[in-house]
Amino acid sequence: AKASYGDFILQGGFTSRKKKVPTASFGTVFNSGAEGTLDQR
């Protein structure tokens, strides 16, 4: 969202991404379907 009035500009945002990881990184169990990350900003 963004709003401007006169000399002022106000903006803000939120994003959330959830991703499964198939590569068994960091020595995790392969083909578990449970490895994943959640990133929010």
PDB file of all heavy atoms in Angstrom:
ATOM      1  N   ALA A   1       0.851  -1.197   0.000  1.00  0.00           N
ATOM      2  CA  ALA A   1       0.000   0.000   0.000  1.00  0.00           C
ATOM      3  C   ALA A   1       0.884   1.243   0.000  1.00  0.00           C
ATOM      4  O   ALA A   1       1.956   1.259   0.618  1.00  0.00           O
ATOM      5  CB  ALA A   1      -0.925   0.003   1.212  1.00  0.00           C
ATOM      6  N   LYS A   2       0.413   2.275  -0.696  1.00  0.00           N
ATOM      7  CA  LYS A   2       1.160   3.524  -0.783  1.00  0.00           C
ATOM      8  C   LYS A   2       0.184   4.688  -0.861  1.00  0.00           C
ATOM      9  O   LYS A   2      -0.831   4.604  -1.556  1.00  0.00           O
ATOM     10  CB  LYS A   2       2.063   3.508  -2.018  1.00  0.00           C
ATOM     11  CG  LYS A   2       2.895   4.759  -2.214  1.00  0.00           C
ATOM     12  CD  LYS A   2       3.785   4.617  -3.452  1.00  0.00           C
ATOM     13  CE  LYS A   2       4.630   5.864  -3.683  1.00  0.00           C
ATOM     14  NZ  LYS A   2       5.490   5.724  -4.883  1.00  0.00           N
ATOM     15  N   ALA A   3       0.503   5.744  -0.143  1.00  0.00           N
ATOM     16  CA  ALA A   3      -0.323   6.956  -0.171  1.00  0.00           C
ATOM     17  C   ALA A   3       0.589   8.174  -0.173  1.00  0.00           C
ATOM     18  O   ALA A   3       1.632   8.182   0.485  1.00  0.00           O
ATOM     19  CB  ALA A   3      -1.261   7.005   1.037  1.00  0.00           C
ATOM     20  N   SER A   4       0.196   9.190  -0.929  1.00  0.00           N
ATOM     21  CA  SER A   4       0.977  10.426  -0.952  1.00  0.00           C
ATOM     22  C   SER A   4       0.027  11.615  -0.841  1.00  0.00           C
ATOM     23  O   SER A   4      -1.081  11.614  -1.391  1.00  0.00           O
ATOM     24  CB  SER A   4       1.800  10.528  -2.242  1.00  0.00           C
ATOM     25  OG  SER A   4       0.956  10.542  -3.383  1.00  0.00           O
ATOM     26  N   TYR A   5       0.488  12.609  -0.116  1.00  0.00           N
ATOM     27  CA  TYR A   5      -0.288  13.843   0.055  1.00  0.00           C
ATOM     28  C   TYR A   5       0.690  14.977   0.286  1.00  0.00           C
ATOM     29  O   TYR A   5       1.466  14.965   1.262  1.00  0.00           O
ATOM     30  CB  TYR A   5      -1.243  13.724   1.245  1.00  0.00           C
ATOM     31  CG  TYR A   5      -2.127  14.930   1.433  1.00  0.00           C
ATOM     32  CD1 TYR A   5      -3.260  15.127   0.636  1.00  0.00           C
ATOM     33  CD2 TYR A   5      -1.827  15.897   2.387  1.00  0.00           C
ATOM     34  CE1 TYR A   5      -4.067  16.231   0.794  1.00  0.00           C
ATOM     35  CE2 TYR A   5      -2.634  17.014   2.561  1.00  0.00           C
ATOM     36  CZ  TYR A   5      -3.753  17.180   1.751  1.00  0.00           C
ATOM     37  OH  TYR A   5      -4.557  18.290   1.916  1.00  0.00           O
ATOM     38  N   GLY A   6       0.671  15.944  -0.607  1.00  0.00           N
ATOM     39  CA  GLY A   6       1.597  17.061  -0.472  1.00  0.00           C
ATOM     40  C   GLY A   6       3.036  16.582  -0.549  1.00  0.00           C
ATOM     41  O   GLY A   6       3.437  15.901  -1.494  1.00  0.00           O
ATOM     42  N   ASP A   7       3.823  16.903   0.485  1.00  0.00           N
ATOM     43  CA  ASP A   7       5.227  16.537   0.524  1.00  0.00           C
ATOM     44  C   ASP A   7       5.472  15.191   1.199  1.00  0.00           C
ATOM     45  O   ASP A   7       6.630  14.799   1.398  1.00  0.00           O
ATOM     46  CB  ASP A   7       6.028  17.620   1.270  1.00  0.00           C
ATOM     47  CG  ASP A   7       6.016  18.954   0.542  1.00  0.00           C
ATOM     48  OD1 ASP A   7       5.948  18.935  -0.704  1.00  0.00           O
ATOM     49  OD2 ASP A   7       6.080  20.001   1.207  1.00  0.00           O
ATOM     50  N   PHE A   8       4.415  14.478   1.567  1.00  0.00           N
ATOM     51  CA  PHE A   8       4.562  13.236   2.316  1.00  0.00           C
ATOM     52  C   PHE A   8       4.220  12.012   1.457  1.00  0.00           C
ATOM     53  O   PHE A   8       3.279  12.046   0.660  1.00  0.00           O
ATOM     54  CB  PHE A   8       3.651  13.242   3.549  1.00  0.00           C
ATOM     55  CG  PHE A   8       4.059  14.232   4.599  1.00  0.00           C
ATOM     56  CD1 PHE A   8       3.559  15.517   4.591  1.00  0.00           C
ATOM     57  CD2 PHE A   8       4.959  13.870   5.588  1.00  0.00           C
ATOM     58  CE1 PHE A   8       3.928  16.433   5.553  1.00  0.00           C
ATOM     59  CE2 PHE A   8       5.339  14.782   6.561  1.00  0.00           C
ATOM     60  CZ  PHE A   8       4.827  16.064   6.553  1.00  0.00           C
ATOM     61  N   ILE A   9       4.994  10.944   1.653  1.00  0.00           N
ATOM     62  CA  ILE A   9       4.719   9.652   1.026  1.00  0.00           C
ATOM     63  C   ILE A   9       4.801   8.576   2.105  1.00  0.00           C
ATOM     64  O   ILE A   9       5.821   8.449   2.789  1.00  0.00           O
ATOM     65  CB  ILE A   9       5.721   9.331  -0.095  1.00  0.00           C
ATOM     66  CG1 ILE A   9       5.648  10.363  -1.213  1.00  0.00           C
ATOM     67  CG2 ILE A   9       5.458   7.923  -0.661  1.00  0.00           C
ATOM     68  CD1 ILE A   9       6.683  10.153  -2.304  1.00  0.00           C
ATOM     69  N   LEU A  10       3.720   7.830   2.250  1.00  0.00           N
ATOM     70  CA  LEU A  10       3.674   6.731   3.220  1.00  0.00           C
ATOM     71  C   LEU A  10       3.473   5.429   2.450  1.00  0.00           C
ATOM     72  O   LEU A  10       2.564   5.331   1.618  1.00  0.00           O
ATOM     73  CB  LEU A  10       2.529   6.934   4.212  1.00  0.00           C
ATOM     74  CG  LEU A  10       2.306   5.801   5.227  1.00  0.00           C
ATOM     75  CD1 LEU A  10       3.485   5.696   6.188  1.00  0.00           C
ATOM     76  CD2 LEU A  10       0.994   6.026   5.991  1.00  0.00           C
ATOM     77  N   GLN A  11       4.313   4.452   2.709  1.00  0.00           N
ATOM     78  CA  GLN A  11       4.146   3.157   2.059  1.00  0.00           C
ATOM     79  C   GLN A  11       4.501   2.035   3.023  1.00  0.00           C
ATOM     80  O   GLN A  11       5.286   2.212   3.958  1.00  0.00           O
ATOM     81  CB  GLN A  11       4.969   3.060   0.784  1.00  0.00           C
ATOM     82  CG  GLN A  11       6.469   3.048   0.975  1.00  0.00           C
ATOM     83  CD  GLN A  11       7.193   2.906  -0.361  1.00  0.00           C
ATOM     84  OE1 GLN A  11       6.689   3.274  -1.403  1.00  0.00           O
ATOM     85  NE2 GLN A  11       8.400   2.365  -0.326  1.00  0.00           N
ATOM     86  N   GLY A  12       3.894   0.883   2.782  1.00  0.00           N
ATOM     87  CA  GLY A  12       4.147  -0.270   3.614  1.00  0.00           C
ATOM     88  C   GLY A  12       3.836  -1.540   2.851  1.00  0.00           C
ATOM     89  O   GLY A  12       3.116  -1.532   1.848  1.00  0.00           O
ATOM     90  N   GLY A  13       4.389  -2.635   3.330  1.00  0.00           N
ATOM     91  CA  GLY A  13       4.161  -3.899   2.647  1.00  0.00           C
ATOM     92  C   GLY A  13       4.423  -5.072   3.559  1.00  0.00           C
ATOM     93  O   GLY A  13       5.086  -4.956   4.599  1.00  0.00           O
ATOM     94  N   PHE A  14       3.891  -6.214   3.159  1.00  0.00           N
ATOM     95  CA  PHE A  14       4.127  -7.461   3.875  1.00  0.00           C
ATOM     96  C   PHE A  14       4.142  -8.596   2.859  1.00  0.00           C
ATOM     97  O   PHE A  14       3.301  -8.648   1.954  1.00  0.00           O
ATOM     98  CB  PHE A  14       3.044  -7.720   4.917  1.00  0.00           C
ATOM     99  CG  PHE A  14       3.203  -9.051   5.619  1.00  0.00           C
ATOM    100  CD1 PHE A  14       4.112  -9.189   6.658  1.00  0.00           C
ATOM    101  CD2 PHE A  14       2.471 -10.164   5.222  1.00  0.00           C
ATOM    102  CE1 PHE A  14       4.293 -10.407   7.298  1.00  0.00           C
ATOM    103  CE2 PHE A  14       2.633 -11.387   5.847  1.00  0.00           C
ATOM    104  CZ  PHE A  14       3.542 -11.509   6.901  1.00  0.00           C
ATOM    105  N   THR A  15       5.119  -9.481   2.994  1.00  0.00           N
ATOM    106  CA  THR A  15       5.198 -10.636   2.106  1.00  0.00           C
ATOM    107  C   THR A  15       5.554 -11.871   2.911  1.00  0.00           C
ATOM    108  O   THR A  15       6.295 -11.789   3.900  1.00  0.00           O
ATOM    109  CB  THR A  15       6.233 -10.409   0.977  1.00  0.00           C
ATOM    110  OG1 THR A  15       6.214 -11.511   0.082  1.00  0.00           O
ATOM    111  CG2 THR A  15       7.627 -10.246   1.534  1.00  0.00           C
ATOM    112  N   SER A  16       5.009 -13.005   2.495  1.00  0.00           N
ATOM    113  CA  SER A  16       5.265 -14.274   3.176  1.00  0.00           C
ATOM    114  C   SER A  16       5.470 -15.349   2.116  1.00  0.00           C
ATOM    115  O   SER A  16       4.643 -15.495   1.210  1.00  0.00           O
ATOM    116  CB  SER A  16       4.091 -14.640   4.095  1.00  0.00           C
ATOM    117  OG  SER A  16       4.310 -15.896   4.716  1.00  0.00           O
ATOM    118  N   ARG A  17       6.564 -16.097   2.217  1.00  0.00           N
ATOM    119  CA  ARG A  17       6.888 -17.135   1.229  1.00  0.00           C
ATOM    120  C   ARG A  17       7.257 -18.424   1.953  1.00  0.00           C
ATOM    121  O   ARG A  17       8.158 -18.435   2.804  1.00  0.00           O
ATOM    122  CB  ARG A  17       8.051 -16.703   0.339  1.00  0.00           C
ATOM    123  CG  ARG A  17       8.470 -17.765  -0.687  1.00  0.00           C
ATOM    124  CD  ARG A  17       9.580 -17.224  -1.578  1.00  0.00           C
ATOM    125  NE  ARG A  17       9.935 -18.156  -2.646  1.00  0.00           N
ATOM    126  CZ  ARG A  17      11.044 -18.889  -2.659  1.00  0.00           C
ATOM    127  NH1 ARG A  17      11.898 -18.808  -1.642  1.00  0.00           N
ATOM    128  NH2 ARG A  17      11.315 -19.706  -3.664  1.00  0.00           N
ATOM    129  N   LYS A  18       6.552 -19.485   1.616  1.00  0.00           N
ATOM    130  CA  LYS A  18       6.831 -20.807   2.158  1.00  0.00           C
ATOM    131  C   LYS A  18       7.300 -21.699   1.028  1.00  0.00           C
ATOM    132  O   LYS A  18       6.647 -21.805  -0.006  1.00  0.00           O
ATOM    133  CB  LYS A  18       5.582 -21.389   2.821  1.00  0.00           C
ATOM    134  CG  LYS A  18       5.843 -22.644   3.635  1.00  0.00           C
ATOM    135  CD  LYS A  18       4.592 -23.074   4.389  1.00  0.00           C
ATOM    136  CE  LYS A  18       4.879 -24.266   5.287  1.00  0.00           C
ATOM    137  NZ  LYS A  18       3.668 -24.681   6.048  1.00  0.00           N
ATOM    138  N   LYS A  19       8.448 -22.353   1.213  1.00  0.00           N
ATOM    139  CA  LYS A  19       9.063 -23.135   0.144  1.00  0.00           C
ATOM    140  C   LYS A  19       9.576 -24.458   0.678  1.00  0.00           C
ATOM    141  O   LYS A  19      10.329 -24.489   1.646  1.00  0.00           O
ATOM    142  CB  LYS A  19      10.227 -22.356  -0.477  1.00  0.00           C
ATOM    143  CG  LYS A  19      10.961 -23.102  -1.598  1.00  0.00           C
ATOM    144  CD  LYS A  19      10.121 -23.160  -2.843  1.00  0.00           C
ATOM    145  CE  LYS A  19      10.847 -23.838  -4.001  1.00  0.00           C
ATOM    146  NZ  LYS A  19      11.020 -25.284  -3.794  1.00  0.00           N
ATOM    147  N   LYS A  20       9.131 -25.550   0.047  1.00  0.00           N
ATOM    148  CA  LYS A  20       9.726 -26.843   0.350  1.00  0.00           C
ATOM    149  C   LYS A  20      11.089 -26.940  -0.338  1.00  0.00           C
ATOM    150  O   LYS A  20      11.301 -26.376  -1.414  1.00  0.00           O
ATOM    151  CB  LYS A  20       8.829 -27.983  -0.120  1.00  0.00           C
ATOM    152  CG  LYS A  20       7.662 -28.286   0.810  1.00  0.00           C
ATOM    153  CD  LYS A  20       6.963 -29.576   0.408  1.00  0.00           C
ATOM    154  CE  LYS A  20       5.852 -29.929   1.394  1.00  0.00           C
ATOM    155  NZ  LYS A  20       5.201 -31.213   1.030  1.00  0.00           N
ATOM    156  N   VAL A  21      12.011 -27.689   0.288  1.00  0.00           N
ATOM    157  CA  VAL A  21      13.375 -27.817  -0.231  1.00  0.00           C
ATOM    158  C   VAL A  21      13.643 -29.286  -0.551  1.00  0.00           C
ATOM    159  O   VAL A  21      13.619 -30.129   0.343  1.00  0.00           O
ATOM    160  CB  VAL A  21      14.400 -27.297   0.792  1.00  0.00           C
ATOM    161  CG1 VAL A  21      15.812 -27.448   0.245  1.00  0.00           C
ATOM    162  CG2 VAL A  21      14.111 -25.837   1.132  1.00  0.00           C
ATOM    163  N   PRO A  22      13.903 -29.618  -1.834  1.00  0.00           N
ATOM    164  CA  PRO A  22      14.060 -31.021  -2.222  1.00  0.00           C
ATOM    165  C   PRO A  22      15.483 -31.560  -2.160  1.00  0.00           C
ATOM    166  O   PRO A  22      15.697 -32.756  -2.350  1.00  0.00           O
ATOM    167  CB  PRO A  22      13.567 -31.015  -3.665  1.00  0.00           C
ATOM    168  CG  PRO A  22      13.956 -29.664  -4.169  1.00  0.00           C
ATOM    169  CD  PRO A  22      13.838 -28.719  -2.997  1.00  0.00           C
ATOM    170  N   THR A  23      16.485 -30.692  -1.910  1.00  0.00           N
ATOM    171  CA  THR A  23      17.882 -31.094  -2.098  1.00  0.00           C
ATOM    172  C   THR A  23      18.502 -31.793  -0.899  1.00  0.00           C
ATOM    173  O   THR A  23      19.664 -32.183  -0.952  1.00  0.00           O
ATOM    174  CB  THR A  23      18.731 -29.855  -2.430  1.00  0.00           C
ATOM    175  OG1 THR A  23      18.532 -28.859  -1.407  1.00  0.00           O
ATOM    176  CG2 THR A  23      18.352 -29.276  -3.781  1.00  0.00           C
ATOM    177  N   ALA A  24      17.747 -31.935   0.215  1.00  0.00           N
ATOM    178  CA  ALA A  24      18.305 -32.525   1.448  1.00  0.00           C
ATOM    179  C   ALA A  24      19.558 -31.772   1.881  1.00  0.00           C
ATOM    180  O   ALA A  24      20.603 -32.362   2.180  1.00  0.00           O
ATOM    181  CB  ALA A  24      18.587 -34.005   1.279  1.00  0.00           C
ATOM    182  N   SER A  25      19.459 -30.437   1.907  1.00  0.00           N
ATOM    183  CA  SER A  25      20.595 -29.617   2.309  1.00  0.00           C
ATOM    184  C   SER A  25      20.890 -29.799   3.794  1.00  0.00           C
ATOM    185  O   SER A  25      20.057 -30.267   4.565  1.00  0.00           O
ATOM    186  CB  SER A  25      20.301 -28.144   2.007  1.00  0.00           C
ATOM    187  OG  SER A  25      19.078 -27.748   2.589  1.00  0.00           O
ATOM    188  N   PHE A  26      22.100 -29.445   4.180  1.00  0.00           N
ATOM    189  CA  PHE A  26      22.568 -29.541   5.576  1.00  0.00           C
ATOM    190  C   PHE A  26      22.523 -30.973   6.106  1.00  0.00           C
ATOM    191  O   PHE A  26      22.424 -31.194   7.313  1.00  0.00           O
ATOM    192  CB  PHE A  26      21.740 -28.633   6.500  1.00  0.00           C
ATOM    193  CG  PHE A  26      21.694 -27.199   6.079  1.00  0.00           C
ATOM    194  CD1 PHE A  26      20.575 -26.675   5.455  1.00  0.00           C
ATOM    195  CD2 PHE A  26      22.785 -26.359   6.288  1.00  0.00           C
ATOM    196  CE1 PHE A  26      20.531 -25.349   5.053  1.00  0.00           C
ATOM    197  CE2 PHE A  26      22.744 -25.030   5.887  1.00  0.00           C
ATOM    198  CZ  PHE A  26      21.625 -24.529   5.270  1.00  0.00           C
ATOM    199  N   GLY A  27      22.558 -31.973   5.222  1.00  0.00           N
ATOM    200  CA  GLY A  27      22.575 -33.356   5.668  1.00  0.00           C
ATOM    201  C   GLY A  27      21.255 -33.866   6.200  1.00  0.00           C
ATOM    202  O   GLY A  27      21.217 -34.821   6.985  1.00  0.00           O
ATOM    203  N   THR A  28      20.126 -33.276   5.771  1.00  0.00           N
ATOM    204  CA  THR A  28      18.812 -33.698   6.246  1.00  0.00           C
ATOM    205  C   THR A  28      18.368 -34.982   5.548  1.00  0.00           C
ATOM    206  O   THR A  28      19.017 -35.476   4.635  1.00  0.00           O
ATOM    207  CB  THR A  28      17.774 -32.590   6.006  1.00  0.00           C
ATOM    208  OG1 THR A  28      17.786 -32.234   4.612  1.00  0.00           O
ATOM    209  CG2 THR A  28      18.100 -31.350   6.825  1.00  0.00           C
ATOM    210  N   VAL A  29      17.228 -35.515   5.999  1.00  0.00           N
ATOM    211  CA  VAL A  29      16.686 -36.754   5.435  1.00  0.00           C
ATOM    212  C   VAL A  29      16.183 -36.486   4.017  1.00  0.00           C
ATOM    213  O   VAL A  29      15.389 -35.570   3.787  1.00  0.00           O
ATOM    214  CB  VAL A  29      15.548 -37.295   6.318  1.00  0.00           C
ATOM    215  CG1 VAL A  29      14.915 -38.530   5.687  1.00  0.00           C
ATOM    216  CG2 VAL A  29      16.078 -37.616   7.709  1.00  0.00           C
ATOM    217  N   PHE A  30      16.639 -37.308   3.090  1.00  0.00           N
ATOM    218  CA  PHE A  30      16.248 -37.136   1.691  1.00  0.00           C
ATOM    219  C   PHE A  30      14.842 -37.676   1.460  1.00  0.00           C
ATOM    220  O   PHE A  30      14.430 -38.684   2.018  1.00  0.00           O
ATOM    221  CB  PHE A  30      17.245 -37.861   0.787  1.00  0.00           C
ATOM    222  CG  PHE A  30      16.980 -37.692  -0.677  1.00  0.00           C
ATOM    223  CD1 PHE A  30      17.306 -36.520  -1.328  1.00  0.00           C
ATOM    224  CD2 PHE A  30      16.377 -38.713  -1.406  1.00  0.00           C
ATOM    225  CE1 PHE A  30      17.058 -36.353  -2.677  1.00  0.00           C
ATOM    226  CE2 PHE A  30      16.122 -38.566  -2.760  1.00  0.00           C
ATOM    227  CZ  PHE A  30      16.461 -37.384  -3.396  1.00  0.00           C
ATOM    228  N   ASN A  31      14.080 -36.992   0.600  1.00  0.00           N
ATOM    229  CA  ASN A  31      12.738 -37.406   0.174  1.00  0.00           C
ATOM    230  C   ASN A  31      11.761 -37.501   1.344  1.00  0.00           C
ATOM    231  O   ASN A  31      10.840 -38.300   1.334  1.00  0.00           O
ATOM    232  CB  ASN A  31      12.790 -38.758  -0.559  1.00  0.00           C
ATOM    233  CG  ASN A  31      11.475 -39.082  -1.251  1.00  0.00           C
ATOM    234  OD1 ASN A  31      10.818 -38.207  -1.819  1.00  0.00           O
ATOM    235  ND2 ASN A  31      11.063 -40.338  -1.184  1.00  0.00           N
ATOM    236  N   SER A  32      11.933 -36.654   2.343  1.00  0.00           N
ATOM    237  CA  SER A  32      10.986 -36.642   3.461  1.00  0.00           C
ATOM    238  C   SER A  32       9.781 -35.760   3.156  1.00  0.00           C
ATOM    239  O   SER A  32       8.708 -35.942   3.730  1.00  0.00           O
ATOM    240  CB  SER A  32      11.675 -36.136   4.726  1.00  0.00           C
ATOM    241  OG  SER A  32      11.991 -34.753   4.598  1.00  0.00           O
ATOM    242  N   GLY A  33       9.949 -34.777   2.263  1.00  0.00           N
ATOM    243  CA  GLY A  33       8.888 -33.814   1.999  1.00  0.00           C
ATOM    244  C   GLY A  33       8.664 -32.848   3.139  1.00  0.00           C
ATOM    245  O   GLY A  33       7.726 -32.043   3.101  1.00  0.00           O
ATOM    246  N   ALA A  34       9.539 -32.900   4.158  1.00  0.00           N
ATOM    247  CA  ALA A  34       9.333 -32.077   5.351  1.00  0.00           C
ATOM    248  C   ALA A  34      10.291 -30.901   5.437  1.00  0.00           C
ATOM    249  O   ALA A  34      10.077 -29.978   6.232  1.00  0.00           O
ATOM    250  CB  ALA A  34       9.466 -32.933   6.612  1.00  0.00           C
ATOM    251  N   GLU A  35      11.391 -30.916   4.637  1.00  0.00           N
ATOM    252  CA  GLU A  35      12.335 -29.803   4.704  1.00  0.00           C
ATOM    253  C   GLU A  35      11.746 -28.593   3.993  1.00  0.00           C
ATOM    254  O   GLU A  35      11.236 -28.692   2.873  1.00  0.00           O
ATOM    255  CB  GLU A  35      13.669 -30.182   4.060  1.00  0.00           C
ATOM    256  CG  GLU A  35      14.691 -29.065   4.165  1.00  0.00           C
ATOM    257  CD  GLU A  35      16.003 -29.367   3.457  1.00  0.00           C
ATOM    258  OE1 GLU A  35      16.161 -30.486   2.922  1.00  0.00           O
ATOM    259  OE2 GLU A  35      16.865 -28.462   3.432  1.00  0.00           O
ATOM    260  N   GLY A  36      11.805 -27.451   4.648  1.00  0.00           N
ATOM    261  CA  GLY A  36      11.264 -26.243   4.037  1.00  0.00           C
ATOM    262  C   GLY A  36      11.592 -25.010   4.839  1.00  0.00           C
ATOM    263  O   GLY A  36      12.096 -25.076   5.962  1.00  0.00           O
ATOM    264  N   THR A  37      11.320 -23.857   4.241  1.00  0.00           N
ATOM    265  CA  THR A  37      11.585 -22.577   4.888  1.00  0.00           C
ATOM    266  C   THR A  37      10.369 -21.669   4.771  1.00  0.00           C
ATOM    267  O   THR A  37       9.591 -21.752   3.823  1.00  0.00           O
ATOM    268  CB  THR A  37      12.801 -21.870   4.253  1.00  0.00           C
ATOM    269  OG1 THR A  37      12.542 -21.657   2.856  1.00  0.00           O
ATOM    270  CG2 THR A  37      14.059 -22.698   4.407  1.00  0.00           C
ATOM    271  N   LEU A  38      10.238 -20.798   5.757  1.00  0.00           N
ATOM    272  CA  LEU A  38       9.223 -19.747   5.753  1.00  0.00           C
ATOM    273  C   LEU A  38       9.933 -18.421   5.954  1.00  0.00           C
ATOM    274  O   LEU A  38      10.656 -18.235   6.943  1.00  0.00           O
ATOM    275  CB  LEU A  38       8.201 -19.976   6.864  1.00  0.00           C
ATOM    276  CG  LEU A  38       7.197 -18.841   7.097  1.00  0.00           C
ATOM    277  CD1 LEU A  38       6.258 -18.701   5.897  1.00  0.00           C
ATOM    278  CD2 LEU A  38       6.393 -19.070   8.368  1.00  0.00           C
ATOM    279  N   ASP A  39       9.763 -17.501   5.005  1.00  0.00           N
ATOM    280  CA  ASP A  39      10.362 -16.168   5.100  1.00  0.00           C
ATOM    281  C   ASP A  39       9.257 -15.124   5.057  1.00  0.00           C
ATOM    282  O   ASP A  39       8.382 -15.172   4.185  1.00  0.00           O
ATOM    283  CB  ASP A  39      11.329 -15.928   3.937  1.00  0.00           C
ATOM    284  CG  ASP A  39      12.569 -16.784   4.023  1.00  0.00           C
ATOM    285  OD1 ASP A  39      13.465 -16.437   4.808  1.00  0.00           O
ATOM    286  OD2 ASP A  39      12.633 -17.802   3.315  1.00  0.00           O
ATOM    287  N   GLN A  40       9.316 -14.179   5.988  1.00  0.00           N
ATOM    288  CA  GLN A  40       8.335 -13.095   6.036  1.00  0.00           C
ATOM    289  C   GLN A  40       9.059 -11.771   6.189  1.00  0.00           C
ATOM    290  O   GLN A  40      10.078 -11.680   6.868  1.00  0.00           O
ATOM    291  CB  GLN A  40       7.349 -13.285   7.187  1.00  0.00           C
ATOM    292  CG  GLN A  40       6.474 -14.509   7.046  1.00  0.00           C
ATOM    293  CD  GLN A  40       5.510 -14.676   8.203  1.00  0.00           C
ATOM    294  OE1 GLN A  40       5.740 -14.167   9.306  1.00  0.00           O
ATOM    295  NE2 GLN A  40       4.421 -15.384   7.968  1.00  0.00           N
ATOM    296  N   ARG A  41       8.484 -10.756   5.564  1.00  0.00           N
ATOM    297  CA  ARG A  41       9.074  -9.414   5.646  1.00  0.00           C
ATOM    298  C   ARG A  41       7.951  -8.393   5.668  1.00  0.00           C
ATOM    299  O   ARG A  41       7.020  -8.457   4.865  1.00  0.00           O
ATOM    300  CB  ARG A  41       9.967  -9.180   4.427  1.00  0.00           C
ATOM    301  CG  ARG A  41      10.480  -7.743   4.262  1.00  0.00           C
ATOM    302  CD  ARG A  41      11.756  -7.509   5.030  1.00  0.00           C
ATOM    303  NE  ARG A  41      12.171  -6.110   4.957  1.00  0.00           N
ATOM    304  CZ  ARG A  41      12.866  -5.570   3.960  1.00  0.00           C
ATOM    305  NH1 ARG A  41      13.185  -6.308   2.918  1.00  0.00           N
ATOM    306  NH2 ARG A  41      13.222  -4.308   4.010  1.00  0.00           N
TER     307      ARG A  41
END
